[in-house]
N, C-alpha and C. Protein backbone atom coordinates (compact mmCIF):
# COMPACT_ATOMS: atom_id res chain seq x y z
N UNK A 1 149.06 115.71 58.98
CA UNK A 1 148.36 116.36 59.62
C UNK A 1 147.25 118.22 58.71
N UNK A 2 146.51 118.13 59.17
CA UNK A 2 146.31 119.23 58.55
C UNK A 2 146.65 120.62 58.97
N UNK A 3 146.08 121.86 58.51
CA UNK A 3 146.44 123.03 59.04
C UNK A 3 146.21 123.17 60.70
N UNK A 4 144.88 122.71 60.82
CA UNK A 4 144.39 122.62 62.34
C UNK A 4 144.62 122.38 63.45
N UNK A 5 146.28 121.14 63.27
CA UNK A 5 146.46 120.13 64.37
C UNK A 5 145.76 118.86 63.89
N UNK A 6 144.56 118.72 63.08
CA UNK A 6 143.88 117.70 63.57
C UNK A 6 144.45 116.24 62.54
N UNK A 7 144.13 114.87 63.05
CA UNK A 7 144.58 114.11 61.84
C UNK A 7 143.95 114.05 61.15
N UNK A 8 143.91 113.27 59.63
CA UNK A 8 142.59 112.96 58.80
C UNK A 8 142.83 111.66 58.97
N UNK A 9 141.48 110.92 59.03
CA UNK A 9 141.10 110.04 59.23
C UNK A 9 141.75 108.75 57.82
N UNK A 10 141.63 107.68 57.62
CA UNK A 10 140.87 107.48 56.43
C UNK A 10 139.96 106.69 55.54
N UNK A 11 139.51 106.75 54.51
CA UNK A 11 138.05 106.40 54.53
C UNK A 11 137.90 104.57 54.87
N UNK A 12 137.10 104.11 55.67
CA UNK A 12 137.41 103.02 56.05
C UNK A 12 135.93 102.08 55.35
N UNK A 13 135.33 102.49 54.26
CA UNK A 13 134.26 102.16 53.38
C UNK A 13 135.12 101.46 52.06
N UNK A 14 136.38 101.65 51.95
CA UNK A 14 137.21 101.10 50.69
C UNK A 14 138.94 100.78 50.91
N UNK A 15 139.15 100.82 52.55
CA UNK A 15 140.30 100.38 52.87
C UNK A 15 141.01 99.28 52.46
N UNK A 16 140.38 98.51 51.85
CA UNK A 16 141.12 97.38 51.09
C UNK A 16 141.79 97.44 49.70
N UNK A 17 141.01 98.89 48.92
CA UNK A 17 141.61 99.30 47.72
C UNK A 17 143.11 100.25 47.41
N UNK A 18 143.17 100.69 49.17
CA UNK A 18 144.71 101.37 49.55
C UNK A 18 145.75 100.97 49.94
N UNK A 19 146.82 101.26 49.28
CA UNK A 19 147.93 99.98 49.90
C UNK A 19 148.40 101.11 50.65
N UNK A 20 148.00 102.17 51.11
CA UNK A 20 148.60 102.95 52.59
C UNK A 20 147.83 102.42 53.97
N UNK A 21 147.03 101.85 53.72
CA UNK A 21 145.72 101.71 55.02
C UNK A 21 146.62 100.28 55.73
N UNK A 22 146.45 99.72 56.66
CA UNK A 22 147.22 98.70 56.38
C UNK A 22 145.86 98.11 57.30
N UNK A 23 145.52 96.62 56.76
CA UNK A 23 144.63 95.84 57.12
C UNK A 23 144.79 95.02 58.12
N UNK A 24 143.55 94.46 58.95
CA UNK A 24 143.45 93.99 60.42
C UNK A 24 144.35 92.71 60.34
N UNK A 25 145.23 92.78 61.03
CA UNK A 25 146.03 91.32 61.12
C UNK A 25 145.01 90.00 61.74
N UNK A 26 145.28 89.00 61.47
CA UNK A 26 144.28 88.06 61.33
C UNK A 26 144.86 87.57 62.66
N UNK A 27 143.71 87.11 63.92
CA UNK A 27 143.79 87.23 64.88
C UNK A 27 144.99 85.65 65.33
N UNK A 28 145.76 85.82 66.57
CA UNK A 28 146.76 84.87 67.12
C UNK A 28 145.77 84.26 68.00
N UNK A 29 146.25 82.60 68.09
CA UNK A 29 145.62 81.74 68.74
C UNK A 29 144.35 80.83 68.58
N UNK A 30 143.25 80.08 69.13
CA UNK A 30 142.37 79.51 68.81
C UNK A 30 141.31 80.22 67.92
N UNK A 31 140.43 79.94 66.84
CA UNK A 31 139.74 80.59 66.25
C UNK A 31 138.45 79.99 66.58
N UNK A 32 137.29 81.04 66.24
CA UNK A 32 135.64 80.45 67.06
C UNK A 32 135.58 79.32 66.69
N UNK A 33 134.66 78.39 67.18
CA UNK A 33 134.12 77.14 67.08
C UNK A 33 132.70 77.31 66.90
N UNK A 34 132.50 76.19 66.30
CA UNK A 34 130.95 76.18 66.54
C UNK A 34 130.45 74.89 66.64
N UNK A 35 129.56 74.35 67.10
CA UNK A 35 128.94 72.82 67.71
C UNK A 35 128.89 72.17 66.42
N UNK A 36 128.40 72.36 64.88
CA UNK A 36 128.86 71.62 64.04
C UNK A 36 130.13 71.60 63.26
N UNK A 37 131.33 71.77 63.47
CA UNK A 37 132.50 71.39 63.24
C UNK A 37 132.74 70.44 63.90
N UNK A 38 132.11 69.82 65.08
CA UNK A 38 132.22 68.45 65.68
C UNK A 38 131.27 67.49 65.25
N UNK A 39 130.53 67.59 64.56
CA UNK A 39 129.49 66.74 64.04
C UNK A 39 130.39 65.24 63.58
N UNK A 40 131.23 65.49 63.43
CA UNK A 40 131.89 63.62 62.99
C UNK A 40 131.91 63.14 64.25
N UNK A 41 131.83 63.38 65.18
CA UNK A 41 132.13 62.94 66.68
C UNK A 41 130.89 63.30 67.43
N UNK A 42 129.35 63.41 66.80
CA UNK A 42 128.27 63.31 67.68
C UNK A 42 127.71 62.27 68.24
N UNK A 43 128.17 61.00 67.07
CA UNK A 43 127.39 59.77 67.71
C UNK A 43 128.91 58.94 68.16
N UNK A 44 129.76 59.26 68.76
CA UNK A 44 130.80 58.36 69.95
C UNK A 44 129.88 58.58 71.22
N UNK A 45 130.06 57.11 71.42
CA UNK A 45 129.33 56.81 72.81
C UNK A 45 130.86 57.16 74.06
N UNK A 46 130.66 58.23 75.13
CA UNK A 46 130.96 58.17 76.05
C UNK A 46 130.73 57.90 77.33
N UNK A 47 131.16 57.77 78.44
CA UNK A 47 130.38 57.28 79.52
C UNK A 47 131.16 58.84 80.57
N UNK A 48 129.42 59.19 81.31
CA UNK A 48 129.33 60.32 81.80
C UNK A 48 129.35 59.91 83.70
N UNK A 49 129.99 60.00 84.22
CA UNK A 49 129.78 60.12 85.90
C UNK A 49 129.74 61.12 86.41
N UNK A 50 129.05 61.23 87.80
CA UNK A 50 128.43 62.47 88.43
C UNK A 50 128.57 61.74 89.56
N UNK A 51 129.89 62.07 90.45
CA UNK A 51 130.53 61.51 91.83
C UNK A 51 130.22 62.57 93.32
N UNK A 52 129.34 62.14 93.67
CA UNK A 52 128.81 62.87 94.90
C UNK A 52 129.98 62.60 95.85
N UNK A 53 130.25 61.89 96.01
CA UNK A 53 131.03 61.40 97.07
C UNK A 53 131.69 59.88 97.47
N UNK A 54 132.48 59.19 98.23
CA UNK A 54 133.44 58.31 98.21
C UNK A 54 132.87 57.58 99.50
N UNK A 55 132.89 56.54 99.61
CA UNK A 55 132.78 55.86 100.82
C UNK A 55 133.96 54.52 101.15
N UNK A 56 134.42 54.22 102.16
CA UNK A 56 135.07 52.91 101.79
C UNK A 56 134.73 52.02 103.12
N UNK A 57 134.56 50.79 102.88
CA UNK A 57 134.19 49.42 103.52
C UNK A 57 134.43 48.09 103.63
N UNK A 58 134.38 47.55 104.27
CA UNK A 58 134.39 46.47 104.37
C UNK A 58 133.22 45.54 103.36
N UNK A 59 133.82 44.63 102.54
CA UNK A 59 132.38 43.53 101.95
C UNK A 59 131.92 42.94 102.60
N UNK A 60 131.67 42.41 103.87
CA UNK A 60 130.60 42.51 104.37
C UNK A 60 130.09 43.61 105.05
N UNK A 61 130.26 44.81 105.69
CA UNK A 61 129.43 45.77 105.69
C UNK A 61 128.58 46.38 104.49
N UNK A 62 129.12 46.23 103.35
CA UNK A 62 128.87 46.10 102.16
C UNK A 62 127.28 45.40 102.20
N UNK A 63 127.41 43.99 102.48
CA UNK A 63 126.70 43.30 102.23
C UNK A 63 125.08 43.44 103.06
N UNK A 64 125.73 44.30 104.24
CA UNK A 64 124.58 44.54 104.92
C UNK A 64 123.81 45.83 104.72
N UNK A 65 124.24 46.67 103.55
CA UNK A 65 123.25 47.52 103.40
C UNK A 65 121.89 47.23 102.81
N UNK A 66 121.02 47.81 103.26
CA UNK A 66 119.82 47.67 102.82
C UNK A 66 118.61 49.10 102.03
N UNK A 67 117.64 49.01 101.88
CA UNK A 67 116.75 50.20 101.62
C UNK A 67 116.86 50.92 102.82
N UNK A 68 117.09 51.93 102.46
CA UNK A 68 117.08 53.38 104.31
C UNK A 68 118.34 53.36 104.50
N UNK A 69 119.07 52.64 103.92
CA UNK A 69 119.90 52.66 104.82
C UNK A 69 121.23 54.05 104.81
N UNK A 70 121.89 54.46 105.33
CA UNK A 70 122.31 56.13 105.19
C UNK A 70 123.95 55.38 105.24
N UNK A 71 124.66 56.10 104.10
CA UNK A 71 126.05 55.63 103.77
C UNK A 71 126.38 57.36 104.15
N UNK A 72 127.34 57.38 105.13
CA UNK A 72 128.52 58.25 105.39
C UNK A 72 129.42 58.51 104.26
N UNK A 73 128.81 59.59 102.96
CA UNK A 73 130.49 59.96 102.08
C UNK A 73 131.59 60.80 102.75
N UNK A 74 132.59 61.01 101.89
CA UNK A 74 133.86 62.11 101.85
C UNK A 74 133.20 63.33 101.62
N UNK A 75 132.31 63.74 101.50
CA UNK A 75 131.83 64.96 101.22
C UNK A 75 130.78 65.74 102.38
N UNK A 76 130.58 67.16 102.28
CA UNK A 76 129.57 67.37 102.94
C UNK A 76 128.94 68.23 102.06
N UNK A 77 127.51 68.45 103.10
CA UNK A 77 126.21 68.59 101.91
C UNK A 77 126.56 70.07 101.72
N UNK A 78 126.12 70.82 99.79
CA UNK A 78 125.95 71.56 99.29
C UNK A 78 127.70 71.77 98.46
N UNK A 79 128.59 70.89 99.12
CA UNK A 79 130.02 70.69 98.32
C UNK A 79 129.76 70.37 96.67
N UNK A 80 130.40 71.11 96.06
CA UNK A 80 130.95 70.22 94.25
C UNK A 80 131.10 69.22 94.44
N UNK A 81 129.88 68.54 93.41
CA UNK A 81 130.21 67.07 92.72
C UNK A 81 131.27 66.67 91.82
N UNK A 82 131.88 65.52 91.48
CA UNK A 82 133.00 65.61 90.06
C UNK A 82 132.06 65.30 89.12
N UNK A 83 132.37 65.64 88.07
CA UNK A 83 131.79 65.24 87.03
C UNK A 83 132.90 64.38 85.97
N UNK A 84 132.94 63.66 85.68
CA UNK A 84 134.07 62.42 84.55
C UNK A 84 132.93 62.00 83.80
N UNK A 85 134.15 62.15 82.29
CA UNK A 85 133.66 62.08 81.11
C UNK A 85 134.76 60.75 80.87
N UNK A 86 134.57 59.48 80.72
CA UNK A 86 135.34 58.40 80.36
C UNK A 86 136.65 58.60 81.56
N UNK A 87 136.07 58.36 82.28
CA UNK A 87 137.33 58.30 83.77
C UNK A 87 137.88 59.77 83.99
N UNK A 88 138.33 60.41 83.13
CA UNK A 88 138.65 61.60 83.40
C UNK A 88 137.98 62.91 84.14
N UNK A 89 138.30 63.78 85.24
CA UNK A 89 137.33 64.40 85.81
C UNK A 89 137.65 65.65 84.57
N UNK A 90 136.42 66.22 84.36
CA UNK A 90 136.52 67.16 83.31
C UNK A 90 135.79 68.61 84.24
N UNK A 91 134.96 68.25 84.81
CA UNK A 91 133.94 69.46 85.51
C UNK A 91 134.03 69.57 86.80
N UNK A 92 133.03 70.06 88.14
CA UNK A 92 132.53 70.16 88.58
C UNK A 92 131.14 71.01 89.02
N UNK A 93 130.52 70.61 89.64
CA UNK A 93 129.14 70.75 89.74
C UNK A 93 127.88 71.08 90.76
N UNK A 94 126.63 71.14 90.40
CA UNK A 94 126.35 70.90 91.74
C UNK A 94 124.46 69.65 91.13
N UNK A 95 124.22 69.39 92.31
CA UNK A 95 122.73 68.39 91.61
C UNK A 95 121.73 69.41 92.04
N UNK A 96 120.93 69.33 90.73
CA UNK A 96 119.67 69.78 91.06
C UNK A 96 118.53 69.09 90.40
N UNK A 97 117.25 69.42 91.05
CA UNK A 97 116.21 68.69 90.65
C UNK A 97 115.51 69.55 89.73
N UNK A 98 115.37 68.85 88.34
CA UNK A 98 114.68 69.51 87.04
C UNK A 98 113.29 68.80 87.14
N UNK A 99 112.24 69.32 87.27
CA UNK A 99 110.79 68.28 86.80
C UNK A 99 110.79 66.67 87.47
N UNK A 100 110.94 67.08 88.51
CA UNK A 100 111.13 65.51 89.43
C UNK A 100 112.30 64.54 89.25
N UNK A 101 113.39 65.15 88.43
CA UNK A 101 114.27 64.55 88.04
C UNK A 101 115.52 64.79 88.46
N UNK A 102 116.33 64.10 88.73
CA UNK A 102 118.01 64.83 89.26
C UNK A 102 118.65 64.64 88.20
N UNK A 103 119.23 66.11 88.17
CA UNK A 103 120.25 66.60 86.90
C UNK A 103 121.94 67.30 87.99
N UNK A 104 122.66 67.24 86.82
CA UNK A 104 123.89 68.09 87.63
C UNK A 104 124.15 69.31 86.44
N UNK A 105 123.94 70.48 87.16
CA UNK A 105 124.73 71.46 86.37
C UNK A 105 125.70 71.82 86.90
N UNK A 106 127.10 72.09 85.60
CA UNK A 106 128.08 72.54 85.76
C UNK A 106 128.81 73.66 86.21
N UNK A 107 129.35 73.70 87.46
CA UNK A 107 130.28 75.23 87.80
C UNK A 107 131.11 75.43 87.47
N UNK A 108 132.12 74.45 87.17
CA UNK A 108 133.51 74.69 86.98
C UNK A 108 134.12 74.00 86.26
N UNK A 109 135.16 74.41 84.85
CA UNK A 109 135.33 73.26 83.64
C UNK A 109 136.77 73.03 84.16
N UNK A 110 137.14 72.12 84.13
CA UNK A 110 138.45 71.44 84.94
C UNK A 110 139.68 71.21 83.73
N UNK A 111 140.09 72.33 83.43
CA UNK A 111 141.32 72.30 82.20
C UNK A 111 142.28 71.26 82.10
N UNK A 112 142.77 70.60 81.61
CA UNK A 112 143.67 69.23 81.44
C UNK A 112 144.32 69.86 81.07
N UNK A 113 145.71 69.44 81.82
CA UNK A 113 147.34 69.80 81.35
C UNK A 113 147.50 68.94 80.03
N UNK A 114 148.05 69.36 78.64
CA UNK A 114 148.14 68.58 78.11
C UNK A 114 150.20 68.20 77.93
N UNK A 115 150.39 67.04 77.52
CA UNK A 115 151.97 66.83 77.64
C UNK A 115 151.96 66.78 76.47
């Protein structure tokens, strides 16, 4: 501390050369990753399913379904759909229309508990 009550600051430009100036600690936890870190698995096929809803019916009723038949599902209009990867729930989302094609936008990622 100087005589005027102010604390002197270290020269940060050459902080690595002074033993009395502590260096920043390595961050704890996961490090930043980029997509190229996963390049080894880019060609691995996965099954992605977007489930709008479910219905339960007898085989006889299933065989009666035809074009234009309305099938009542267990979800309401506007409710989030489930997105599965390899039969595992990974996200929830909404159905969107992009250039005359249906798509899905993810709105919530489901964190799986590791055992």
